[in-house]
Protein backbone atom coordinates (compact mmCIF):
# COMPACT_ATOMS: atom_id res chain seq x y z
CA UNK A 1 33.44 9.48 20.25
CA UNK A 2 32.29 8.89 23.90
CA UNK A 3 31.69 11.94 26.39
CA UNK A 4 31.24 11.05 30.47
CA UNK A 5 29.65 13.36 32.56
CA UNK A 6 28.34 13.89 36.02
CA UNK A 7 24.87 14.21 36.94
CA UNK A 8 25.00 15.98 40.06
CA UNK A 9 21.63 15.30 42.44
CA UNK A 10 22.25 18.74 43.94
CA UNK A 11 22.10 20.35 40.81
CA UNK A 12 18.75 18.69 39.93
CA UNK A 13 16.97 18.44 43.07
CA UNK A 14 18.37 21.82 44.37
CA UNK A 15 14.94 21.96 46.71
CA UNK A 16 13.55 18.53 48.17
CA UNK A 17 11.27 16.75 46.05
CA UNK A 18 11.58 19.73 42.91
CA UNK A 19 13.27 17.62 40.05
CA UNK A 20 14.33 19.79 37.13
CA UNK A 21 15.88 17.57 33.95
CA UNK A 22 14.47 19.90 31.27
CA UNK A 23 15.75 23.12 32.36
CA UNK A 24 12.51 24.68 33.45
CA UNK A 25 14.40 26.42 36.47
CA UNK A 26 17.33 27.00 35.01
CA UNK A 27 18.18 26.59 30.73
CA UNK A 28 21.43 24.65 32.30
CA UNK A 29 19.51 21.69 33.82
CA UNK A 30 18.40 20.52 30.62
CA UNK A 31 19.75 17.26 30.70
CA UNK A 32 17.40 15.98 28.54
CA UNK A 33 18.54 18.28 26.00
CA UNK A 34 22.11 18.12 26.47
CA UNK A 35 22.00 14.21 26.06
CA UNK A 36 19.95 14.66 23.01
CA UNK A 37 22.60 17.40 21.68
CA UNK A 38 25.50 14.87 22.29
CA UNK A 39 23.68 12.53 20.05
CA UNK A 40 23.30 15.14 17.11
CA UNK A 41 26.95 15.52 17.25
CA UNK A 42 27.49 11.68 17.10
CA UNK A 43 28.91 11.31 20.61
CA UNK A 44 28.08 8.56 22.98
CA UNK A 45 27.41 9.13 26.69
CA UNK A 46 28.59 7.77 30.18
CA UNK A 47 26.50 9.46 32.88
CA UNK A 48 27.45 9.18 36.35
CA UNK A 49 24.40 10.44 38.23
CA UNK A 50 25.98 9.77 42.00
CA UNK A 51 24.36 9.83 44.41
CA UNK A 52 27.94 10.55 45.16
CA UNK A 53 29.83 12.39 42.34
CA UNK A 54 32.59 14.06 44.39
CA UNK A 55 34.15 15.80 41.45
CA UNK A 56 34.92 18.75 43.44
CA UNK A 57 31.51 19.50 44.08
CA UNK A 58 30.04 20.69 47.07
CA UNK A 59 29.08 18.04 49.58
CA UNK A 60 30.35 15.64 46.96
CA UNK A 61 27.02 15.90 45.03
CA UNK A 62 24.58 15.43 47.79
CA UNK A 63 22.41 18.09 48.01
CA UNK A 64 22.38 21.04 50.43
CA UNK A 65 18.76 20.69 51.78
CA UNK A 66 19.82 16.90 52.29
CA UNK A 67 22.59 17.70 54.72
CA UNK A 68 20.82 20.63 56.39
CA UNK A 69 17.55 18.36 57.17
CA UNK A 70 19.09 14.83 58.12
CA UNK A 71 23.25 15.60 58.92
CA UNK A 72 22.62 14.66 62.24
CA UNK A 73 20.79 11.27 61.57
CA UNK A 74 23.11 10.16 58.36
CA UNK A 75 26.46 11.28 58.99
CA UNK A 76 29.14 8.42 59.71
CA UNK A 77 29.64 7.56 63.08
CA UNK A 78 32.81 5.99 65.05
CA UNK A 79 32.46 3.23 67.39
CA UNK A 80 31.14 5.93 69.92
CA UNK A 81 28.43 6.60 68.26
CA UNK A 82 30.19 10.29 67.48
CA UNK A 83 30.02 11.94 64.44
CA UNK A 84 33.06 11.28 62.17
CA UNK A 85 34.13 14.77 60.56
CA UNK A 86 34.15 14.11 56.53
CA UNK A 87 31.41 14.64 53.75
CA UNK A 88 30.72 10.45 54.46
CA UNK A 89 27.15 9.41 55.18
CA UNK A 90 26.07 5.94 56.41
CA UNK A 91 25.27 4.14 53.55
CA UNK A 92 22.59 1.86 55.22
CA UNK A 93 20.96 4.69 57.12
CA UNK A 94 17.12 4.33 56.00
CA UNK A 95 16.65 8.13 55.33
CA UNK A 96 19.80 8.05 53.05
CA UNK A 97 18.41 5.01 51.18
CA UNK A 98 14.80 6.40 51.15
CA UNK A 99 16.22 9.96 49.69
CA UNK A 100 18.77 8.37 47.11
CA UNK A 101 15.75 5.79 46.16
CA UNK A 102 13.36 9.09 45.34
CA UNK A 103 16.67 10.72 43.33
CA UNK A 104 17.08 7.30 41.58
CA UNK A 105 13.33 6.94 40.99
CA UNK A 106 13.59 10.38 39.38
CA UNK A 107 16.44 10.27 36.94
CA UNK A 108 16.67 6.56 35.91
CA UNK A 109 13.43 6.70 33.76
CA UNK A 110 15.32 9.52 31.76
CA UNK A 111 18.56 7.64 31.43
CA UNK A 112 16.38 4.31 30.65
CA UNK A 113 14.84 6.42 27.66
CA UNK A 114 18.04 7.36 26.16
CA UNK A 115 20.35 4.38 26.71
CA UNK A 116 21.60 3.12 23.22
CA UNK A 117 19.54 0.18 23.01
CA UNK A 118 16.33 2.49 22.64
CA UNK A 119 18.18 4.85 20.43
CA UNK A 120 19.75 7.08 22.52
CA UNK A 121 23.30 8.14 23.25
CA UNK A 122 23.82 6.79 26.79
CA UNK A 123 26.09 3.40 26.29
CA UNK A 124 26.71 3.28 30.16
CA UNK A 125 25.74 4.70 33.83
CA UNK A 126 28.46 4.55 36.77
CA UNK A 127 26.90 5.00 40.31
CA UNK A 128 28.60 6.34 43.02
CA UNK A 129 32.24 7.79 42.13
CA UNK A 130 34.93 7.05 44.68
CA UNK A 131 32.30 6.40 47.55
CA UNK A 132 34.70 5.02 49.81
CA UNK A 133 37.15 7.83 50.05
CA UNK A 134 35.51 9.31 52.95
CA UNK A 135 36.45 6.35 55.09
CA UNK A 136 39.91 6.54 53.73
CA UNK A 137 40.62 10.26 54.17
CA UNK A 138 39.11 10.01 57.96
CA UNK A 139 40.90 6.60 58.54
CA UNK A 140 37.43 5.88 59.97
CA UNK A 141 34.95 2.99 59.37
CA UNK A 142 31.51 3.51 59.32
CA UNK A 143 29.81 2.54 62.72
CA UNK A 144 26.43 4.11 61.95
CA UNK A 145 23.17 2.27 61.85
CA UNK A 146 22.74 -1.19 60.33
CA UNK A 147 26.75 -1.67 59.97
CA UNK A 148 27.01 -4.34 62.92
CA UNK A 149 24.04 -6.12 62.08
CA UNK A 150 25.53 -6.36 58.67
CA UNK A 151 28.57 -7.75 59.99
CA UNK A 152 27.07 -10.22 62.09
CA UNK A 153 25.17 -11.46 59.39
CA UNK A 154 28.26 -11.79 57.52
CA UNK A 155 30.16 -13.71 60.08
CA UNK A 156 26.88 -16.46 60.53
CA UNK A 157 27.31 -16.68 57.04
CA UNK A 158 30.68 -17.63 56.73
CA UNK A 159 31.25 -19.13 60.12
CA UNK A 160 28.02 -20.51 61.24
CA UNK A 161 28.50 -20.42 64.79
CA UNK A 162 30.08 -18.67 67.63
CA UNK A 163 32.07 -21.46 68.45
CA UNK A 164 33.68 -21.30 65.20
CA UNK A 165 34.48 -17.30 65.93
CA UNK A 166 35.59 -18.23 69.15
CA UNK A 167 37.84 -20.97 67.82
CA UNK A 168 39.27 -18.95 64.87
CA UNK A 169 39.79 -15.46 66.86
CA UNK A 170 40.63 -17.37 70.35
CA UNK A 171 37.96 -15.38 71.67
CA UNK A 172 35.22 -16.65 74.55
CA UNK A 173 31.69 -14.83 73.07
CA UNK A 174 28.74 -16.13 74.12
CA UNK A 175 26.83 -14.95 71.44
CA UNK A 176 27.14 -13.06 68.21
CA UNK A 177 25.79 -10.02 69.57
CA UNK A 178 28.51 -9.90 72.20
CA UNK A 179 31.17 -9.23 69.25
CA UNK A 180 32.69 -5.92 68.45
CA UNK A 181 33.42 -4.12 65.53
CA UNK A 182 37.14 -3.71 64.31
CA UNK A 183 38.81 -0.80 66.03
CA UNK A 184 38.30 2.93 64.43
CA UNK A 185 40.91 3.57 62.02
CA UNK A 186 41.81 0.39 60.93
């Protein structure tokens, strides 16, 4: 009695800033109507609005316009700063976060309005399907914007001092900023 369905960002925002959840540009984009149809047949729904959905969807569900416009800025990077050959993007990149935020700002009100507690069919949502698969398939961690800062912040919180890191890792770093990220491919 439950159906699970992806809600592809690429499908519902085919052009930047133009969202279609009611079939205005294409009848098949009527997500609101489809969810209500499911409910009329007694089905509950689990919706998966991504932004990554994979599901053999081109670009893993990211809109073509997004990658065409921002690929050089948002792609995963190796330690040398070179783009990694995969569909992965840097999940901390401010452009990525801004555009995903706008996607969520537009899709989440519809999802919220149709959740079970408000009389709708939606019982659950799943964000980002298999998001780590890009690093796994490429055998490559992402060393893009913000990753090293987050790594250092984590280490400061966990170990407190560079002296503790030096002791545990048998190193002689002067400061947390001297730390290197783990090698590519590990």
